[in-house]
Structure formats: structure tokens, C-alpha cells
PDB file of N, CA and C in Angstrom:
ATOM      1  N   UNK A   1      30.575  16.306  -0.554  1.00  0.00           N
ATOM      2  CA  UNK A   1      29.789  16.740   0.556  1.00  0.00           C
ATOM      3  C   UNK A   1      28.609  15.774   0.712  1.00  0.00           C
ATOM      4  N   UNK A   2      28.347  15.406   1.921  1.00  0.00           N
ATOM      5  CA  UNK A   2      27.263  14.485   2.230  1.00  0.00           C
ATOM      6  C   UNK A   2      26.103  15.265   2.833  1.00  0.00           C
ATOM      7  N   UNK A   3      24.907  14.991   2.321  1.00  0.00           N
ATOM      8  CA  UNK A   3      23.719  15.683   2.805  1.00  0.00           C
ATOM      9  C   UNK A   3      22.788  14.652   3.427  1.00  0.00           C
ATOM     10  N   UNK A   4      22.410  14.889   4.668  1.00  0.00           N
ATOM     11  CA  UNK A   4      21.473  13.972   5.306  1.00  0.00           C
ATOM     12  C   UNK A   4      20.052  14.486   5.110  1.00  0.00           C
ATOM     13  N   UNK A   5      19.092  13.558   5.039  1.00  0.00           N
ATOM     14  CA  UNK A   5      17.703  13.988   4.814  1.00  0.00           C
ATOM     15  C   UNK A   5      17.150  14.735   6.026  1.00  0.00           C
ATOM     16  N   UNK A   6      16.120  15.496   5.748  1.00  0.00           N
ATOM     17  CA  UNK A   6      15.420  16.181   6.836  1.00  0.00           C
ATOM     18  C   UNK A   6      14.893  15.129   7.814  1.00  0.00           C
ATOM     19  N   UNK A   7      14.769  15.462   9.079  1.00  0.00           N
ATOM     20  CA  UNK A   7      14.298  14.474  10.066  1.00  0.00           C
ATOM     21  C   UNK A   7      12.915  13.911   9.753  1.00  0.00           C
ATOM     22  N   UNK A   8      12.062  14.666   9.092  1.00  0.00           N
ATOM     23  CA  UNK A   8      10.705  14.198   8.814  1.00  0.00           C
ATOM     24  C   UNK A   8      10.652  13.196   7.667  1.00  0.00           C
ATOM     25  N   UNK A   9      11.648  13.208   6.792  1.00  0.00           N
ATOM     26  CA  UNK A   9      11.609  12.359   5.601  1.00  0.00           C
ATOM     27  C   UNK A   9      11.633  10.868   5.944  1.00  0.00           C
ATOM     28  N   UNK A  10      12.547  10.380   6.791  1.00  0.00           N
ATOM     29  CA  UNK A  10      12.503   8.942   7.108  1.00  0.00           C
ATOM     30  C   UNK A  10      11.178   8.500   7.722  1.00  0.00           C
ATOM     31  N   UNK A  11      10.586   9.336   8.558  1.00  0.00           N
ATOM     32  CA  UNK A  11       9.286   9.012   9.148  1.00  0.00           C
ATOM     33  C   UNK A  11       8.191   8.939   8.099  1.00  0.00           C
ATOM     34  N   UNK A  12       8.239   9.849   7.151  1.00  0.00           N
ATOM     35  CA  UNK A  12       7.264   9.857   6.064  1.00  0.00           C
ATOM     36  C   UNK A  12       7.411   8.598   5.218  1.00  0.00           C
ATOM     37  N   UNK A  13       8.643   8.223   4.922  1.00  0.00           N
ATOM     38  CA  UNK A  13       8.876   7.012   4.124  1.00  0.00           C
ATOM     39  C   UNK A  13       8.418   5.756   4.855  1.00  0.00           C
ATOM     40  N   UNK A  14       8.623   5.709   6.155  1.00  0.00           N
ATOM     41  CA  UNK A  14       8.149   4.560   6.941  1.00  0.00           C
ATOM     42  C   UNK A  14       6.620   4.494   6.930  1.00  0.00           C
ATOM     43  N   UNK A  15       5.965   5.644   7.093  1.00  0.00           N
ATOM     44  CA  UNK A  15       4.492   5.669   7.031  1.00  0.00           C
ATOM     45  C   UNK A  15       3.999   5.236   5.669  1.00  0.00           C
ATOM     46  N   UNK A  16       4.675   5.693   4.620  1.00  0.00           N
ATOM     47  CA  UNK A  16       4.313   5.306   3.251  1.00  0.00           C
ATOM     48  C   UNK A  16       4.419   3.795   3.089  1.00  0.00           C
ATOM     49  N   UNK A  17       5.551   3.226   3.503  1.00  0.00           N
ATOM     50  CA  UNK A  17       5.762   1.782   3.384  1.00  0.00           C
ATOM     51  C   UNK A  17       4.717   1.002   4.186  1.00  0.00           C
ATOM     52  N   UNK A  18       4.489   1.405   5.418  1.00  0.00           N
ATOM     53  CA  UNK A  18       3.536   0.695   6.266  1.00  0.00           C
ATOM     54  C   UNK A  18       2.115   0.770   5.708  1.00  0.00           C
ATOM     55  N   UNK A  19       1.707   1.957   5.251  1.00  0.00           N
ATOM     56  CA  UNK A  19       0.354   2.129   4.711  1.00  0.00           C
ATOM     57  C   UNK A  19       0.179   1.343   3.414  1.00  0.00           C
ATOM     58  N   UNK A  20       1.186   1.356   2.562  1.00  0.00           N
ATOM     59  CA  UNK A  20       1.091   0.623   1.301  1.00  0.00           C
ATOM     60  C   UNK A  20       1.070  -0.880   1.542  1.00  0.00           C
ATOM     61  N   UNK A  21       1.933  -1.372   2.427  1.00  0.00           N
ATOM     62  CA  UNK A  21       1.930  -2.807   2.743  1.00  0.00           C
ATOM     63  C   UNK A  21       0.600  -3.236   3.359  1.00  0.00           C
ATOM     64  N   UNK A  22       0.067  -2.428   4.253  1.00  0.00           N
ATOM     65  CA  UNK A  22      -1.233  -2.720   4.854  1.00  0.00           C
ATOM     66  C   UNK A  22      -2.319  -2.778   3.778  1.00  0.00           C
ATOM     67  N   UNK A  23      -2.301  -1.809   2.871  1.00  0.00           N
ATOM     68  CA  UNK A  23      -3.304  -1.755   1.811  1.00  0.00           C
ATOM     69  C   UNK A  23      -3.225  -2.975   0.907  1.00  0.00           C
ATOM     70  N   UNK A  24      -2.025  -3.353   0.527  1.00  0.00           N
ATOM     71  CA  UNK A  24      -1.856  -4.531  -0.333  1.00  0.00           C
ATOM     72  C   UNK A  24      -2.378  -5.771   0.376  1.00  0.00           C
ATOM     73  N   UNK A  25      -2.027  -5.929   1.642  1.00  0.00           N
ATOM     74  CA  UNK A  25      -2.465  -7.110   2.396  1.00  0.00           C
ATOM     75  C   UNK A  25      -3.990  -7.187   2.469  1.00  0.00           C
ATOM     76  N   UNK A  26      -4.649  -6.076   2.766  1.00  0.00           N
ATOM     77  CA  UNK A  26      -6.112  -6.057   2.863  1.00  0.00           C
ATOM     78  C   UNK A  26      -6.748  -6.358   1.503  1.00  0.00           C
ATOM     79  N   UNK A  27      -6.215  -5.785   0.450  1.00  0.00           N
ATOM     80  CA  UNK A  27      -6.774  -6.001  -0.889  1.00  0.00           C
ATOM     81  C   UNK A  27      -6.625  -7.455  -1.306  1.00  0.00           C
ATOM     82  N   UNK A  28      -5.468  -8.053  -1.065  1.00  0.00           N
ATOM     83  CA  UNK A  28      -5.260  -9.453  -1.442  1.00  0.00           C
ATOM     84  C   UNK A  28      -6.147 -10.371  -0.599  1.00  0.00           C
ATOM     85  N   UNK A  29      -6.215 -10.140   0.705  1.00  0.00           N
ATOM     86  CA  UNK A  29      -7.023 -10.983   1.589  1.00  0.00           C
ATOM     87  C   UNK A  29      -8.507 -10.939   1.236  1.00  0.00           C
ATOM     88  N   UNK A  30      -8.987  -9.783   0.776  1.00  0.00           N
ATOM     89  CA  UNK A  30     -10.410  -9.618   0.470  1.00  0.00           C
ATOM     90  C   UNK A  30     -10.713  -9.647  -1.022  1.00  0.00           C
ATOM     91  N   UNK A  31      -9.696  -9.895  -1.836  1.00  0.00           N
ATOM     92  CA  UNK A  31      -9.828  -9.900  -3.292  1.00  0.00           C
ATOM     93  C   UNK A  31     -10.560  -8.628  -3.762  1.00  0.00           C
ATOM     94  N   UNK A  32     -10.143  -7.508  -3.221  1.00  0.00           N
ATOM     95  CA  UNK A  32     -10.789  -6.218  -3.484  1.00  0.00           C
ATOM     96  C   UNK A  32     -10.053  -5.490  -4.595  1.00  0.00           C
ATOM     97  N   UNK A  33     -10.169  -5.983  -5.813  1.00  0.00           N
ATOM     98  CA  UNK A  33      -9.428  -5.380  -6.919  1.00  0.00           C
ATOM     99  C   UNK A  33     -10.201  -4.267  -7.621  1.00  0.00           C
ATOM    100  N   UNK A  34     -11.373  -3.925  -7.129  1.00  0.00           N
ATOM    101  CA  UNK A  34     -12.091  -2.770  -7.680  1.00  0.00           C
ATOM    102  C   UNK A  34     -11.866  -1.572  -6.756  1.00  0.00           C
ATOM    103  N   UNK A  35     -11.892  -0.399  -7.349  1.00  0.00           N
ATOM    104  CA  UNK A  35     -11.651   0.813  -6.572  1.00  0.00           C
ATOM    105  C   UNK A  35     -12.728   1.006  -5.508  1.00  0.00           C
ATOM    106  N   UNK A  36     -13.978   0.724  -5.842  1.00  0.00           N
ATOM    107  CA  UNK A  36     -15.051   0.949  -4.867  1.00  0.00           C
ATOM    108  C   UNK A  36     -14.923   0.019  -3.659  1.00  0.00           C
ATOM    109  N   UNK A  37     -14.567  -1.239  -3.886  1.00  0.00           N
ATOM    110  CA  UNK A  37     -14.418  -2.169  -2.762  1.00  0.00           C
ATOM    111  C   UNK A  37     -13.192  -1.801  -1.927  1.00  0.00           C
ATOM    112  N   UNK A  38     -12.093  -1.460  -2.592  1.00  0.00           N
ATOM    113  CA  UNK A  38     -10.889  -1.052  -1.864  1.00  0.00           C
ATOM    114  C   UNK A  38     -11.155   0.220  -1.062  1.00  0.00           C
ATOM    115  N   UNK A  39     -11.908   1.148  -1.647  1.00  0.00           N
ATOM    116  CA  UNK A  39     -12.233   2.391  -0.946  1.00  0.00           C
ATOM    117  C   UNK A  39     -13.009   2.092   0.336  1.00  0.00           C
ATOM    118  N   UNK A  40     -14.023   1.234   0.221  1.00  0.00           N
ATOM    119  CA  UNK A  40     -14.837   0.944   1.407  1.00  0.00           C
ATOM    120  C   UNK A  40     -14.034   0.220   2.486  1.00  0.00           C
ATOM    121  N   UNK A  41     -13.037  -0.564   2.094  1.00  0.00           N
ATOM    122  CA  UNK A  41     -12.226  -1.290   3.065  1.00  0.00           C
ATOM    123  C   UNK A  41     -11.108  -0.444   3.675  1.00  0.00           C
ATOM    124  N   UNK A  42     -10.573   0.510   2.913  1.00  0.00           N
ATOM    125  CA  UNK A  42      -9.326   1.133   3.320  1.00  0.00           C
ATOM    126  C   UNK A  42      -9.363   2.629   3.613  1.00  0.00           C
ATOM    127  N   UNK A  43     -10.236   3.358   2.986  1.00  0.00           N
ATOM    128  CA  UNK A  43     -10.154   4.820   3.006  1.00  0.00           C
ATOM    129  C   UNK A  43     -10.104   5.395   4.426  1.00  0.00           C
ATOM    130  N   UNK A  44     -11.077   5.084   5.241  1.00  0.00           N
ATOM    131  CA  UNK A  44     -11.134   5.651   6.605  1.00  0.00           C
ATOM    132  C   UNK A  44      -9.955   5.186   7.449  1.00  0.00           C
ATOM    133  N   UNK A  45      -9.562   3.925   7.303  1.00  0.00           N
ATOM    134  CA  UNK A  45      -8.434   3.400   8.082  1.00  0.00           C
ATOM    135  C   UNK A  45      -7.142   4.101   7.707  1.00  0.00           C
ATOM    136  N   UNK A  46      -6.918   4.297   6.421  1.00  0.00           N
ATOM    137  CA  UNK A  46      -5.699   4.982   5.994  1.00  0.00           C
ATOM    138  C   UNK A  46      -5.672   6.418   6.502  1.00  0.00           C
ATOM    139  N   UNK A  47      -6.788   7.099   6.418  1.00  0.00           N
ATOM    140  CA  UNK A  47      -6.835   8.484   6.897  1.00  0.00           C
ATOM    141  C   UNK A  47      -6.612   8.559   8.401  1.00  0.00           C
ATOM    142  N   UNK A  48      -7.296   7.700   9.137  1.00  0.00           N
ATOM    143  CA  UNK A  48      -7.262   7.772  10.600  1.00  0.00           C
ATOM    144  C   UNK A  48      -5.985   7.157  11.175  1.00  0.00           C
ATOM    145  N   UNK A  49      -5.705   5.910  10.845  1.00  0.00           N
ATOM    146  CA  UNK A  49      -4.590   5.193  11.471  1.00  0.00           C
ATOM    147  C   UNK A  49      -3.223   5.670  11.004  1.00  0.00           C
ATOM    148  N   UNK A  50      -3.119   6.038   9.736  1.00  0.00           N
ATOM    149  CA  UNK A  50      -1.834   6.468   9.204  1.00  0.00           C
ATOM    150  C   UNK A  50      -1.737   7.982   9.083  1.00  0.00           C
ATOM    151  N   UNK A  51      -2.787   8.684   9.508  1.00  0.00           N
ATOM    152  CA  UNK A  51      -2.813  10.148   9.526  1.00  0.00           C
ATOM    153  C   UNK A  51      -2.476  10.728   8.156  1.00  0.00           C
ATOM    154  N   UNK A  52      -3.223  10.267   7.136  1.00  0.00           N
ATOM    155  CA  UNK A  52      -2.981  10.701   5.766  1.00  0.00           C
ATOM    156  C   UNK A  52      -4.072  11.649   5.287  1.00  0.00           C
ATOM    157  N   UNK A  53      -3.703  12.617   4.460  1.00  0.00           N
ATOM    158  CA  UNK A  53      -4.721  13.445   3.808  1.00  0.00           C
ATOM    159  C   UNK A  53      -5.559  12.588   2.859  1.00  0.00           C
ATOM    160  N   UNK A  54      -6.756  13.007   2.557  1.00  0.00           N
ATOM    161  CA  UNK A  54      -7.673  12.181   1.763  1.00  0.00           C
ATOM    162  C   UNK A  54      -7.115  11.828   0.385  1.00  0.00           C
ATOM    163  N   UNK A  55      -6.508  12.761  -0.309  1.00  0.00           N
ATOM    164  CA  UNK A  55      -5.968  12.480  -1.646  1.00  0.00           C
ATOM    165  C   UNK A  55      -4.850  11.444  -1.582  1.00  0.00           C
ATOM    166  N   UNK A  56      -4.008  11.527  -0.575  1.00  0.00           N
ATOM    167  CA  UNK A  56      -2.909  10.572  -0.423  1.00  0.00           C
ATOM    168  C   UNK A  56      -3.462   9.185  -0.106  1.00  0.00           C
ATOM    169  N   UNK A  57      -4.480   9.103   0.738  1.00  0.00           N
ATOM    170  CA  UNK A  57      -5.107   7.815   1.047  1.00  0.00           C
ATOM    171  C   UNK A  57      -5.659   7.178  -0.223  1.00  0.00           C
ATOM    172  N   UNK A  58      -6.293   7.961  -1.075  1.00  0.00           N
ATOM    173  CA  UNK A  58      -6.809   7.439  -2.343  1.00  0.00           C
ATOM    174  C   UNK A  58      -5.671   6.957  -3.237  1.00  0.00           C
ATOM    175  N   UNK A  59      -4.595   7.709  -3.301  1.00  0.00           N
ATOM    176  CA  UNK A  59      -3.449   7.301  -4.115  1.00  0.00           C
ATOM    177  C   UNK A  59      -2.862   5.984  -3.618  1.00  0.00           C
ATOM    178  N   UNK A  60      -2.806   5.804  -2.297  1.00  0.00           N
ATOM    179  CA  UNK A  60      -2.234   4.582  -1.735  1.00  0.00           C
ATOM    180  C   UNK A  60      -3.055   3.366  -2.111  1.00  0.00           C
ATOM    181  N   UNK A  61      -4.391   3.432  -1.949  1.00  0.00           N
ATOM    182  CA  UNK A  61      -5.138   2.224  -2.262  1.00  0.00           C
ATOM    183  C   UNK A  61      -5.215   1.987  -3.758  1.00  0.00           C
ATOM    184  N   UNK A  62      -5.127   3.020  -4.569  1.00  0.00           N
ATOM    185  CA  UNK A  62      -5.060   2.808  -6.024  1.00  0.00           C
ATOM    186  C   UNK A  62      -3.747   2.127  -6.415  1.00  0.00           C
ATOM    187  N   UNK A  63      -2.653   2.560  -5.822  1.00  0.00           N
ATOM    188  CA  UNK A  63      -1.371   1.923  -6.094  1.00  0.00           C
ATOM    189  C   UNK A  63      -1.363   0.488  -5.576  1.00  0.00           C
ATOM    190  N   UNK A  64      -1.957   0.263  -4.418  1.00  0.00           N
ATOM    191  CA  UNK A  64      -2.021  -1.077  -3.845  1.00  0.00           C
ATOM    192  C   UNK A  64      -2.836  -2.014  -4.733  1.00  0.00           C
ATOM    193  N   UNK A  65      -3.908  -1.511  -5.340  1.00  0.00           N
ATOM    194  CA  UNK A  65      -4.698  -2.330  -6.271  1.00  0.00           C
ATOM    195  C   UNK A  65      -3.824  -2.764  -7.438  1.00  0.00           C
ATOM    196  N   UNK A  66      -3.068  -1.845  -7.975  1.00  0.00           N
ATOM    197  CA  UNK A  66      -2.187  -2.148  -9.096  1.00  0.00           C
ATOM    198  C   UNK A  66      -1.171  -3.223  -8.723  1.00  0.00           C
ATOM    199  N   UNK A  67      -0.550  -3.090  -7.571  1.00  0.00           N
ATOM    200  CA  UNK A  67       0.437  -4.070  -7.116  1.00  0.00           C
ATOM    201  C   UNK A  67      -0.227  -5.412  -6.840  1.00  0.00           C
ATOM    202  N   UNK A  68      -1.389  -5.391  -6.203  1.00  0.00           N
ATOM    203  CA  UNK A  68      -2.099  -6.629  -5.878  1.00  0.00           C
ATOM    204  C   UNK A  68      -2.535  -7.367  -7.143  1.00  0.00           C
ATOM    205  N   UNK A  69      -3.036  -6.643  -8.140  1.00  0.00           N
ATOM    206  CA  UNK A  69      -3.436  -7.284  -9.396  1.00  0.00           C
ATOM    207  C   UNK A  69      -2.240  -7.951 -10.058  1.00  0.00           C
ATOM    208  N   UNK A  70      -1.120  -7.300 -10.024  1.00  0.00           N
ATOM    209  CA  UNK A  70       0.097  -7.863 -10.590  1.00  0.00           C
ATOM    210  C   UNK A  70       0.498  -9.129  -9.838  1.00  0.00           C
ATOM    211  N   UNK A  71       0.422  -9.068  -8.531  1.00  0.00           N
ATOM    212  CA  UNK A  71       0.795 -10.224  -7.709  1.00  0.00           C
ATOM    213  C   UNK A  71      -0.196 -11.376  -7.894  1.00  0.00           C
ATOM    214  N   UNK A  72      -1.476 -11.065  -7.939  1.00  0.00           N
ATOM    215  CA  UNK A  72      -2.483 -12.108  -8.115  1.00  0.00           C
ATOM    216  C   UNK A  72      -2.399 -12.734  -9.509  1.00  0.00           C
ATOM    217  N   UNK A  73      -1.971 -11.957 -10.503  1.00  0.00           N
ATOM    218  CA  UNK A  73      -1.850 -12.468 -11.851  1.00  0.00           C
ATOM    219  C   UNK A  73      -0.620 -13.323 -12.068  1.00  0.00           C
ATOM    220  N   UNK A  74       0.404 -13.153 -11.234  1.00  0.00           N
ATOM    221  CA  UNK A  74       1.646 -13.916 -11.315  1.00  0.00           C
ATOM    222  C   UNK A  74       2.009 -14.446  -9.939  1.00  0.00           C
ATOM    223  N   UNK A  75       1.263 -15.420  -9.415  1.00  0.00           N
ATOM    224  CA  UNK A  75       1.456 -15.816  -8.013  1.00  0.00           C
ATOM    225  C   UNK A  75       2.830 -16.412  -7.706  1.00  0.00           C
ATOM    226  N   UNK A  76       3.469 -17.067  -8.672  1.00  0.00           N
ATOM    227  CA  UNK A  76       4.755 -17.706  -8.371  1.00  0.00           C
ATOM    228  C   UNK A  76       5.950 -16.870  -8.741  1.00  0.00           C
ATOM    229  N   UNK A  77       5.742 -15.757  -9.394  1.00  0.00           N
ATOM    230  CA  UNK A  77       6.857 -14.941  -9.863  1.00  0.00           C
ATOM    231  C   UNK A  77       7.617 -14.334  -8.686  1.00  0.00           C
ATOM    232  N   UNK A  78       8.920 -14.539  -8.720  1.00  0.00           N
ATOM    233  CA  UNK A  78       9.788 -13.958  -7.699  1.00  0.00           C
ATOM    234  C   UNK A  78       9.925 -14.808  -6.459  1.00  0.00           C
ATOM    235  N   UNK A  79       9.224 -15.914  -6.402  1.00  0.00           N
ATOM    236  CA  UNK A  79       9.332 -16.790  -5.247  1.00  0.00           C
ATOM    237  C   UNK A  79      10.019 -18.070  -5.658  1.00  0.00           C
ATOM    238  N   UNK A  80      10.747 -18.646  -4.742  1.00  0.00           N
ATOM    239  CA  UNK A  80      11.398 -19.915  -5.000  1.00  0.00           C
ATOM    240  C   UNK A  80      10.352 -21.019  -4.847  1.00  0.00           C
ATOM    241  N   UNK A  81       9.938 -21.641  -5.962  1.00  0.00           N
ATOM    242  CA  UNK A  81       8.897 -22.656  -5.917  1.00  0.00           C
ATOM    243  C   UNK A  81       9.457 -24.042  -5.716  1.00  0.00           C
ATOM    244  N   UNK A  82      10.795 -24.197  -5.784  1.00  0.00           N
ATOM    245  CA  UNK A  82      11.412 -25.506  -5.549  1.00  0.00           C
ATOM    246  C   UNK A  82      11.702 -25.645  -4.066  1.00  0.00           C
ATOM    247  N   UNK A  83      11.480 -26.849  -3.544  1.00  0.00           N
ATOM    248  CA  UNK A  83      11.749 -27.069  -2.118  1.00  0.00           C
ATOM    249  C   UNK A  83      12.883 -28.029  -1.934  1.00  0.00           C
TER     250      UNK A  83
END
């Protein structure tokens, strides 16, 4: 038996992906690897533009900091550096 997801689930996943990608991009561009700097850059935008509850917005920028730190610490990992 095949079960399809609820109609709201794909939309939620798209919002999650878009908000997380936006957060990572802003953090990397501004080198905002501290929670306070990321909060000042992202909190209101995530709540307003992505229509997120406050706790979820905080979780997103905290996760984005973690991903950004990993990416900044290993800039060539996963990319083809040979041309």
C-alpha cells in the first residue's frame, strides 16, 4: 500500500529548505558564526518572511551556524577542485 503525504507536508519541507539555505547564505556572507550576530541578522526575517514561530526561527539559525562553521572549516570538501 502506498501512502502519500499530507498536502501541507511538502510545503513545510520547502519552507524549511528555503529558510535554512537563506540562513546559511547570510551567515557565510557576514561571517556571523556567533549566535548573537546570527540572531540580529536573521531572527525577524525568518519569522516574518518565512512565517515561522519564534522557537523554529531560533532552531533554524542555530542549525545554519553549525552547517556554516563546518563549511567554513572545510572550504574545499565536496567540491571538485581540479579544473
